[in-house]
């Protein structure tokens, strides 16, 4: 990733900042895809592992993500609204 930032800085003088960012991002995705293709396959789930337990775990993780991001979003919105009211009153 650090190399990608350096490549992006070098490309920015030639293609502009926006285009260099897009090219660098694309190059990063391509390189990571190629490298991950050659990594060994890892099978973390044993053959005798219950599928229902795995499904419940996956559903629980989605629910946790929803609660976490909803809480952060509502809290951030409330704090921002409160800050905007104090700024507009002064």
PDB file of N, CA and C in Angstrom:
ATOM      1  N   UNK A   1       0.817  -1.179   0.000  1.00  0.00           N
ATOM      2  CA  UNK A   1       0.000   0.000   0.000  1.00  0.00           C
ATOM      3  C   UNK A   1       0.867   1.251   0.000  1.00  0.00           C
ATOM      4  N   UNK A   2       1.946   1.222   0.733  1.00  0.00           N
ATOM      5  CA  UNK A   2       2.859   2.359   0.753  1.00  0.00           C
ATOM      6  C   UNK A   2       3.444   2.567  -0.649  1.00  0.00           C
ATOM      7  N   UNK A   3       3.771   1.465  -1.311  1.00  0.00           N
ATOM      8  CA  UNK A   3       4.265   1.547  -2.684  1.00  0.00           C
ATOM      9  C   UNK A   3       3.221   2.138  -3.610  1.00  0.00           C
ATOM     10  N   UNK A   4       1.959   1.820  -3.371  1.00  0.00           N
ATOM     11  CA  UNK A   4       0.879   2.384  -4.172  1.00  0.00           C
ATOM     12  C   UNK A   4       0.779   3.888  -4.017  1.00  0.00           C
ATOM     13  N   UNK A   5       0.973   4.380  -2.813  1.00  0.00           N
ATOM     14  CA  UNK A   5       0.963   5.828  -2.579  1.00  0.00           C
ATOM     15  C   UNK A   5       2.121   6.492  -3.320  1.00  0.00           C
ATOM     16  N   UNK A   6       3.269   5.865  -3.285  1.00  0.00           N
ATOM     17  CA  UNK A   6       4.423   6.433  -3.983  1.00  0.00           C
ATOM     18  C   UNK A   6       4.211   6.428  -5.496  1.00  0.00           C
ATOM     19  N   UNK A   7       3.651   5.349  -6.019  1.00  0.00           N
ATOM     20  CA  UNK A   7       3.359   5.284  -7.456  1.00  0.00           C
ATOM     21  C   UNK A   7       2.325   6.347  -7.817  1.00  0.00           C
ATOM     22  N   UNK A   8       1.323   6.519  -6.968  1.00  0.00           N
ATOM     23  CA  UNK A   8       0.295   7.537  -7.212  1.00  0.00           C
ATOM     24  C   UNK A   8       0.870   8.931  -7.257  1.00  0.00           C
ATOM     25  N   UNK A   9       1.811   9.226  -6.399  1.00  0.00           N
ATOM     26  CA  UNK A   9       2.458  10.554  -6.416  1.00  0.00           C
ATOM     27  C   UNK A   9       3.255  10.771  -7.699  1.00  0.00           C
ATOM     28  N   UNK A  10       3.915   9.715  -8.147  1.00  0.00           N
ATOM     29  CA  UNK A  10       4.682   9.851  -9.393  1.00  0.00           C
ATOM     30  C   UNK A  10       3.770  10.005 -10.605  1.00  0.00           C
ATOM     31  N   UNK A  11       2.643   9.283 -10.597  1.00  0.00           N
ATOM     32  CA  UNK A  11       1.713   9.367 -11.723  1.00  0.00           C
ATOM     33  C   UNK A  11       0.913  10.665 -11.732  1.00  0.00           C
ATOM     34  N   UNK A  12       0.797  11.321 -10.589  1.00  0.00           N
ATOM     35  CA  UNK A  12      -0.036  12.528 -10.516  1.00  0.00           C
ATOM     36  C   UNK A  12       0.508  13.662 -11.380  1.00  0.00           C
ATOM     37  N   UNK A  13       1.810  13.727 -11.540  1.00  0.00           N
ATOM     38  CA  UNK A  13       2.364  14.790 -12.391  1.00  0.00           C
ATOM     39  C   UNK A  13       2.058  14.527 -13.870  1.00  0.00           C
ATOM     40  N   UNK A  14       1.881  13.291 -14.223  1.00  0.00           N
ATOM     41  CA  UNK A  14       1.642  12.940 -15.624  1.00  0.00           C
ATOM     42  C   UNK A  14       0.153  12.900 -15.981  1.00  0.00           C
ATOM     43  N   UNK A  15      -0.684  12.324 -15.070  1.00  0.00           N
ATOM     44  CA  UNK A  15      -2.093  12.109 -15.377  1.00  0.00           C
ATOM     45  C   UNK A  15      -3.045  12.982 -14.571  1.00  0.00           C
ATOM     46  N   UNK A  16      -2.537  13.735 -13.612  1.00  0.00           N
ATOM     47  CA  UNK A  16      -3.402  14.497 -12.720  1.00  0.00           C
ATOM     48  C   UNK A  16      -3.702  13.682 -11.477  1.00  0.00           C
ATOM     49  N   UNK A  17      -4.121  14.358 -10.428  1.00  0.00           N
ATOM     50  CA  UNK A  17      -4.304  13.690  -9.147  1.00  0.00           C
ATOM     51  C   UNK A  17      -5.446  12.674  -9.201  1.00  0.00           C
ATOM     52  N   UNK A  18      -6.584  13.056  -9.782  1.00  0.00           N
ATOM     53  CA  UNK A  18      -7.742  12.163  -9.802  1.00  0.00           C
ATOM     54  C   UNK A  18      -7.450  10.900 -10.613  1.00  0.00           C
ATOM     55  N   UNK A  19      -6.941  11.066 -11.804  1.00  0.00           N
ATOM     56  CA  UNK A  19      -6.647   9.911 -12.654  1.00  0.00           C
ATOM     57  C   UNK A  19      -5.545   9.042 -12.057  1.00  0.00           C
ATOM     58  N   UNK A  20      -4.552   9.669 -11.450  1.00  0.00           N
ATOM     59  CA  UNK A  20      -3.483   8.896 -10.813  1.00  0.00           C
ATOM     60  C   UNK A  20      -4.030   8.082  -9.645  1.00  0.00           C
ATOM     61  N   UNK A  21      -4.969   8.657  -8.906  1.00  0.00           N
ATOM     62  CA  UNK A  21      -5.581   7.916  -7.797  1.00  0.00           C
ATOM     63  C   UNK A  21      -6.357   6.711  -8.308  1.00  0.00           C
ATOM     64  N   UNK A  22      -7.118   6.901  -9.383  1.00  0.00           N
ATOM     65  CA  UNK A  22      -7.870   5.794  -9.955  1.00  0.00           C
ATOM     66  C   UNK A  22      -6.941   4.708 -10.505  1.00  0.00           C
ATOM     67  N   UNK A  23      -5.904   5.115 -11.213  1.00  0.00           N
ATOM     68  CA  UNK A  23      -4.952   4.142 -11.749  1.00  0.00           C
ATOM     69  C   UNK A  23      -4.241   3.385 -10.636  1.00  0.00           C
ATOM     70  N   UNK A  24      -3.828   4.098  -9.603  1.00  0.00           N
ATOM     71  CA  UNK A  24      -3.139   3.456  -8.487  1.00  0.00           C
ATOM     72  C   UNK A  24      -4.065   2.506  -7.747  1.00  0.00           C
ATOM     73  N   UNK A  25      -5.319   2.897  -7.539  1.00  0.00           N
ATOM     74  CA  UNK A  25      -6.284   2.015  -6.890  1.00  0.00           C
ATOM     75  C   UNK A  25      -6.520   0.753  -7.700  1.00  0.00           C
ATOM     76  N   UNK A  26      -6.660   0.903  -9.016  1.00  0.00           N
ATOM     77  CA  UNK A  26      -6.834  -0.250  -9.889  1.00  0.00           C
ATOM     78  C   UNK A  26      -5.624  -1.158  -9.880  1.00  0.00           C
ATOM     79  N   UNK A  27      -4.446  -0.563  -9.926  1.00  0.00           N
ATOM     80  CA  UNK A  27      -3.209  -1.338  -9.876  1.00  0.00           C
ATOM     81  C   UNK A  27      -3.102  -2.102  -8.557  1.00  0.00           C
ATOM     82  N   UNK A  28      -3.477  -1.453  -7.463  1.00  0.00           N
ATOM     83  CA  UNK A  28      -3.447  -2.097  -6.154  1.00  0.00           C
ATOM     84  C   UNK A  28      -4.382  -3.307  -6.122  1.00  0.00           C
ATOM     85  N   UNK A  29      -5.592  -3.151  -6.623  1.00  0.00           N
ATOM     86  CA  UNK A  29      -6.559  -4.248  -6.633  1.00  0.00           C
ATOM     87  C   UNK A  29      -6.049  -5.404  -7.493  1.00  0.00           C
ATOM     88  N   UNK A  30      -5.464  -5.096  -8.632  1.00  0.00           N
ATOM     89  CA  UNK A  30      -4.951  -6.141  -9.513  1.00  0.00           C
ATOM     90  C   UNK A  30      -3.802  -6.903  -8.846  1.00  0.00           C
ATOM     91  N   UNK A  31      -2.875  -6.195  -8.243  1.00  0.00           N
ATOM     92  CA  UNK A  31      -1.729  -6.844  -7.595  1.00  0.00           C
ATOM     93  C   UNK A  31      -2.188  -7.710  -6.428  1.00  0.00           C
ATOM     94  N   UNK A  32      -3.083  -7.188  -5.599  1.00  0.00           N
ATOM     95  CA  UNK A  32      -3.572  -7.959  -4.455  1.00  0.00           C
ATOM     96  C   UNK A  32      -4.348  -9.184  -4.925  1.00  0.00           C
ATOM     97  N   UNK A  33      -5.111  -9.059  -6.012  1.00  0.00           N
ATOM     98  CA  UNK A  33      -5.851 -10.208  -6.551  1.00  0.00           C
ATOM     99  C   UNK A  33      -4.911 -11.290  -7.041  1.00  0.00           C
ATOM    100  N   UNK A  34      -3.866 -10.898  -7.733  1.00  0.00           N
ATOM    101  CA  UNK A  34      -2.893 -11.876  -8.237  1.00  0.00           C
ATOM    102  C   UNK A  34      -2.181 -12.573  -7.075  1.00  0.00           C
ATOM    103  N   UNK A  35      -1.758 -11.801  -6.095  1.00  0.00           N
ATOM    104  CA  UNK A  35      -1.054 -12.392  -4.949  1.00  0.00           C
ATOM    105  C   UNK A  35      -1.977 -13.321  -4.182  1.00  0.00           C
ATOM    106  N   UNK A  36      -3.228 -12.919  -3.960  1.00  0.00           N
ATOM    107  CA  UNK A  36      -4.148 -13.771  -3.200  1.00  0.00           C
ATOM    108  C   UNK A  36      -4.510 -15.043  -3.964  1.00  0.00           C
ATOM    109  N   UNK A  37      -4.430 -15.000  -5.277  1.00  0.00           N
ATOM    110  CA  UNK A  37      -4.704 -16.196  -6.074  1.00  0.00           C
ATOM    111  C   UNK A  37      -3.685 -17.300  -5.802  1.00  0.00           C
ATOM    112  N   UNK A  38      -2.448 -16.927  -5.542  1.00  0.00           N
ATOM    113  CA  UNK A  38      -1.384 -17.903  -5.335  1.00  0.00           C
ATOM    114  C   UNK A  38      -1.197 -18.305  -3.875  1.00  0.00           C
ATOM    115  N   UNK A  39      -1.975 -17.730  -2.962  1.00  0.00           N
ATOM    116  CA  UNK A  39      -1.886 -18.128  -1.565  1.00  0.00           C
ATOM    117  C   UNK A  39      -2.536 -19.499  -1.385  1.00  0.00           C
ATOM    118  N   UNK A  40      -2.082 -20.259  -0.406  1.00  0.00           N
ATOM    119  CA  UNK A  40      -2.688 -21.583  -0.191  1.00  0.00           C
ATOM    120  C   UNK A  40      -4.120 -21.441   0.314  1.00  0.00           C
ATOM    121  N   UNK A  41      -4.943 -22.425  -0.035  1.00  0.00           N
ATOM    122  CA  UNK A  41      -6.334 -22.418   0.399  1.00  0.00           C
ATOM    123  C   UNK A  41      -6.410 -22.873   1.849  1.00  0.00           C
ATOM    124  N   UNK A  42      -7.186 -22.146   2.638  1.00  0.00           N
ATOM    125  CA  UNK A  42      -7.341 -22.473   4.045  1.00  0.00           C
ATOM    126  C   UNK A  42      -8.799 -22.846   4.280  1.00  0.00           C
ATOM    127  N   UNK A  43      -9.018 -24.021   4.837  1.00  0.00           N
ATOM    128  CA  UNK A  43     -10.362 -24.473   5.153  1.00  0.00           C
ATOM    129  C   UNK A  43     -10.494 -24.491   6.671  1.00  0.00           C
ATOM    130  N   UNK A  44     -11.059 -23.410   7.222  1.00  0.00           N
ATOM    131  CA  UNK A  44     -11.129 -23.284   8.671  1.00  0.00           C
ATOM    132  C   UNK A  44     -12.251 -24.091   9.290  1.00  0.00           C
ATOM    133  N   UNK A  45     -13.226 -24.502   8.492  1.00  0.00           N
ATOM    134  CA  UNK A  45     -14.391 -25.193   9.035  1.00  0.00           C
ATOM    135  C   UNK A  45     -14.223 -26.694   8.834  1.00  0.00           C
ATOM    136  N   UNK A  46     -14.182 -27.455   9.925  1.00  0.00           N
ATOM    137  CA  UNK A  46     -14.056 -28.906   9.799  1.00  0.00           C
ATOM    138  C   UNK A  46     -15.289 -29.508   9.129  1.00  0.00           C
ATOM    139  N   UNK A  47     -15.142 -30.679   8.567  1.00  0.00           N
ATOM    140  CA  UNK A  47     -16.240 -31.336   7.847  1.00  0.00           C
ATOM    141  C   UNK A  47     -17.408 -31.662   8.772  1.00  0.00           C
ATOM    142  N   UNK A  48     -17.137 -31.958  10.034  1.00  0.00           N
ATOM    143  CA  UNK A  48     -18.201 -32.355  10.956  1.00  0.00           C
ATOM    144  C   UNK A  48     -18.838 -31.166  11.672  1.00  0.00           C
ATOM    145  N   UNK A  49     -18.506 -29.956  11.292  1.00  0.00           N
ATOM    146  CA  UNK A  49     -19.050 -28.767  11.953  1.00  0.00           C
ATOM    147  C   UNK A  49     -20.508 -28.580  11.561  1.00  0.00           C
ATOM    148  N   UNK A  50     -21.403 -28.345  12.528  1.00  0.00           N
ATOM    149  CA  UNK A  50     -22.831 -28.218  12.215  1.00  0.00           C
ATOM    150  C   UNK A  50     -23.133 -26.965  11.376  1.00  0.00           C
ATOM    151  N   UNK A  51     -23.842 -27.162  10.287  1.00  0.00           N
ATOM    152  CA  UNK A  51     -24.158 -26.051   9.387  1.00  0.00           C
ATOM    153  C   UNK A  51     -25.094 -25.051  10.046  1.00  0.00           C
ATOM    154  N   UNK A  52     -25.999 -25.513  10.892  1.00  0.00           N
ATOM    155  CA  UNK A  52     -26.927 -24.583  11.544  1.00  0.00           C
ATOM    156  C   UNK A  52     -26.199 -23.656  12.508  1.00  0.00           C
ATOM    157  N   UNK A  53     -25.202 -24.162  13.186  1.00  0.00           N
ATOM    158  CA  UNK A  53     -24.419 -23.325  14.090  1.00  0.00           C
ATOM    159  C   UNK A  53     -23.662 -22.251  13.300  1.00  0.00           C
ATOM    160  N   UNK A  54     -23.088 -22.653  12.182  1.00  0.00           N
ATOM    161  CA  UNK A  54     -22.386 -21.704  11.334  1.00  0.00           C
ATOM    162  C   UNK A  54     -23.345 -20.633  10.812  1.00  0.00           C
ATOM    163  N   UNK A  55     -24.527 -21.035  10.389  1.00  0.00           N
ATOM    164  CA  UNK A  55     -25.514 -20.084   9.879  1.00  0.00           C
ATOM    165  C   UNK A  55     -25.944 -19.115  10.969  1.00  0.00           C
ATOM    166  N   UNK A  56     -26.183 -19.608  12.179  1.00  0.00           N
ATOM    167  CA  UNK A  56     -26.563 -18.727  13.295  1.00  0.00           C
ATOM    168  C   UNK A  56     -25.454 -17.737  13.611  1.00  0.00           C
ATOM    169  N   UNK A  57     -24.215 -18.194  13.547  1.00  0.00           N
ATOM    170  CA  UNK A  57     -23.083 -17.298  13.786  1.00  0.00           C
ATOM    171  C   UNK A  57     -23.034 -16.194  12.734  1.00  0.00           C
ATOM    172  N   UNK A  58     -23.236 -16.543  11.488  1.00  0.00           N
ATOM    173  CA  UNK A  58     -23.207 -15.547  10.422  1.00  0.00           C
ATOM    174  C   UNK A  58     -24.336 -14.543  10.571  1.00  0.00           C
ATOM    175  N   UNK A  59     -25.518 -14.988  10.907  1.00  0.00           N
ATOM    176  CA  UNK A  59     -26.641 -14.084  11.135  1.00  0.00           C
ATOM    177  C   UNK A  59     -26.345 -13.169  12.323  1.00  0.00           C
ATOM    178  N   UNK A  60     -25.783 -13.723  13.389  1.00  0.00           N
ATOM    179  CA  UNK A  60     -25.448 -12.925  14.563  1.00  0.00           C
ATOM    180  C   UNK A  60     -24.424 -11.849  14.232  1.00  0.00           C
ATOM    181  N   UNK A  61     -23.446 -12.167  13.393  1.00  0.00           N
ATOM    182  CA  UNK A  61     -22.452 -11.156  13.040  1.00  0.00           C
ATOM    183  C   UNK A  61     -23.066 -10.040  12.205  1.00  0.00           C
ATOM    184  N   UNK A  62     -24.007 -10.371  11.332  1.00  0.00           N
ATOM    185  CA  UNK A  62     -24.698  -9.323  10.564  1.00  0.00           C
ATOM    186  C   UNK A  62     -25.503  -8.439  11.511  1.00  0.00           C
ATOM    187  N   UNK A  63     -26.196  -9.056  12.467  1.00  0.00           N
ATOM    188  CA  UNK A  63     -26.971  -8.282  13.430  1.00  0.00           C
ATOM    189  C   UNK A  63     -26.081  -7.366  14.261  1.00  0.00           C
ATOM    190  N   UNK A  64     -24.934  -7.863  14.669  1.00  0.00           N
ATOM    191  CA  UNK A  64     -23.999  -7.043  15.445  1.00  0.00           C
ATOM    192  C   UNK A  64     -23.514  -5.862  14.615  1.00  0.00           C
ATOM    193  N   UNK A  65     -23.221  -6.087  13.339  1.00  0.00           N
ATOM    194  CA  UNK A  65     -22.795  -4.996  12.467  1.00  0.00           C
ATOM    195  C   UNK A  65     -23.894  -3.940  12.332  1.00  0.00           C
ATOM    196  N   UNK A  66     -25.131  -4.377  12.164  1.00  0.00           N
ATOM    197  CA  UNK A  66     -26.243  -3.439  12.030  1.00  0.00           C
ATOM    198  C   UNK A  66     -26.385  -2.595  13.293  1.00  0.00           C
ATOM    199  N   UNK A  67     -26.355  -3.237  14.446  1.00  0.00           N
ATOM    200  CA  UNK A  67     -26.495  -2.508  15.705  1.00  0.00           C
ATOM    201  C   UNK A  67     -25.329  -1.548  15.913  1.00  0.00           C
ATOM    202  N   UNK A  68     -24.117  -2.005  15.637  1.00  0.00           N
ATOM    203  CA  UNK A  68     -22.945  -1.151  15.823  1.00  0.00           C
ATOM    204  C   UNK A  68     -23.002   0.080  14.938  1.00  0.00           C
ATOM    205  N   UNK A  69     -23.236  -0.109  13.639  1.00  0.00           N
ATOM    206  CA  UNK A  69     -23.232   1.030  12.724  1.00  0.00           C
ATOM    207  C   UNK A  69     -24.433   1.936  12.917  1.00  0.00           C
ATOM    208  N   UNK A  70     -25.575   1.370  13.271  1.00  0.00           N
ATOM    209  CA  UNK A  70     -26.742   2.206  13.557  1.00  0.00           C
ATOM    210  C   UNK A  70     -26.499   3.052  14.802  1.00  0.00           C
ATOM    211  N   UNK A  71     -25.905   2.470  15.829  1.00  0.00           N
ATOM    212  CA  UNK A  71     -25.589   3.219  17.045  1.00  0.00           C
ATOM    213  C   UNK A  71     -24.592   4.328  16.746  1.00  0.00           C
ATOM    214  N   UNK A  72     -23.535   4.008  16.015  1.00  0.00           N
ATOM    215  CA  UNK A  72     -22.550   5.038  15.668  1.00  0.00           C
ATOM    216  C   UNK A  72     -23.169   6.149  14.824  1.00  0.00           C
ATOM    217  N   UNK A  73     -23.995   5.780  13.856  1.00  0.00           N
ATOM    218  CA  UNK A  73     -24.630   6.785  13.011  1.00  0.00           C
ATOM    219  C   UNK A  73     -25.577   7.678  13.781  1.00  0.00           C
ATOM    220  N   UNK A  74     -26.416   7.082  14.628  1.00  0.00           N
ATOM    221  CA  UNK A  74     -27.349   7.887  15.417  1.00  0.00           C
ATOM    222  C   UNK A  74     -26.619   8.770  16.423  1.00  0.00           C
ATOM    223  N   UNK A  75     -25.597   8.229  17.063  1.00  0.00           N
ATOM    224  CA  UNK A  75     -24.819   9.016  18.016  1.00  0.00           C
ATOM    225  C   UNK A  75     -24.102  10.163  17.313  1.00  0.00           C
ATOM    226  N   UNK A  76     -23.489   9.887  16.182  1.00  0.00           N
ATOM    227  CA  UNK A  76     -22.807  10.936  15.430  1.00  0.00           C
ATOM    228  C   UNK A  76     -23.797  11.997  14.965  1.00  0.00           C
ATOM    229  N   UNK A  77     -24.958  11.574  14.489  1.00  0.00           N
ATOM    230  CA  UNK A  77     -25.980  12.530  14.063  1.00  0.00           C
ATOM    231  C   UNK A  77     -26.464  13.395  15.200  1.00  0.00           C
ATOM    232  N   UNK A  78     -26.695  12.792  16.362  1.00  0.00           N
ATOM    233  CA  UNK A  78     -27.147  13.548  17.522  1.00  0.00           C
ATOM    234  C   UNK A  78     -26.085  14.550  17.981  1.00  0.00           C
ATOM    235  N   UNK A  79     -24.831  14.107  18.043  1.00  0.00           N
ATOM    236  CA  UNK A  79     -23.755  15.010  18.449  1.00  0.00           C
ATOM    237  C   UNK A  79     -23.559  16.141  17.437  1.00  0.00           C
ATOM    238  N   UNK A  80     -23.659  15.829  16.160  1.00  0.00           N
ATOM    239  CA  UNK A  80     -23.515  16.858  15.127  1.00  0.00           C
ATOM    240  C   UNK A  80     -24.653  17.869  15.206  1.00  0.00           C
ATOM    241  N   UNK A  81     -25.864  17.384  15.391  1.00  0.00           N
ATOM    242  CA  UNK A  81     -27.009  18.284  15.498  1.00  0.00           C
ATOM    243  C   UNK A  81     -26.866  19.182  16.721  1.00  0.00           C
ATOM    244  N   UNK A  82     -26.420  18.608  17.822  1.00  0.00           N
ATOM    245  CA  UNK A  82     -26.210  19.394  19.046  1.00  0.00           C
ATOM    246  C   UNK A  82     -25.131  20.457  18.842  1.00  0.00           C
ATOM    247  N   UNK A  83     -24.056  20.077  18.163  1.00  0.00           N
ATOM    248  CA  UNK A  83     -22.976  21.025  17.895  1.00  0.00           C
ATOM    249  C   UNK A  83     -23.435  22.139  16.972  1.00  0.00           C
ATOM    250  N   UNK A  84     -24.235  21.789  15.964  1.00  0.00           N
ATOM    251  CA  UNK A  84     -24.720  22.795  15.017  1.00  0.00           C
ATOM    252  C   UNK A  84     -25.651  23.790  15.714  1.00  0.00           C
ATOM    253  N   UNK A  85     -26.447  23.339  16.693  1.00  0.00           N
ATOM    254  CA  UNK A  85     -27.325  24.253  17.421  1.00  0.00           C
ATOM    255  C   UNK A  85     -26.521  25.231  18.247  1.00  0.00           C
ATOM    256  N   UNK A  86     -25.439  24.763  18.894  1.00  0.00           N
ATOM    257  CA  UNK A  86     -24.623  25.675  19.696  1.00  0.00           C
ATOM    258  C   UNK A  86     -23.847  26.645  18.809  1.00  0.00           C
ATOM    259  N   UNK A  87     -23.429  26.207  17.633  1.00  0.00           N
ATOM    260  CA  UNK A  87     -22.702  27.090  16.721  1.00  0.00           C
ATOM    261  C   UNK A  87     -23.653  28.156  16.165  1.00  0.00           C
ATOM    262  N   UNK A  88     -24.885  27.784  15.850  1.00  0.00           N
ATOM    263  CA  UNK A  88     -25.823  28.741  15.276  1.00  0.00           C
ATOM    264  C   UNK A  88     -26.325  29.733  16.316  1.00  0.00           C
ATOM    265  N   UNK A  89     -26.290  29.390  17.600  1.00  0.00           N
ATOM    266  CA  UNK A  89     -26.740  30.297  18.660  1.00  0.00           C
ATOM    267  C   UNK A  89     -25.700  31.349  18.993  1.00  0.00           C
ATOM    268  N   UNK A  90     -24.437  31.077  18.706  1.00  0.00           N
ATOM    269  CA  UNK A  90     -23.394  32.048  19.041  1.00  0.00           C
ATOM    270  C   UNK A  90     -23.104  32.998  17.936  1.00  0.00           C
TER     271      UNK A  90
END
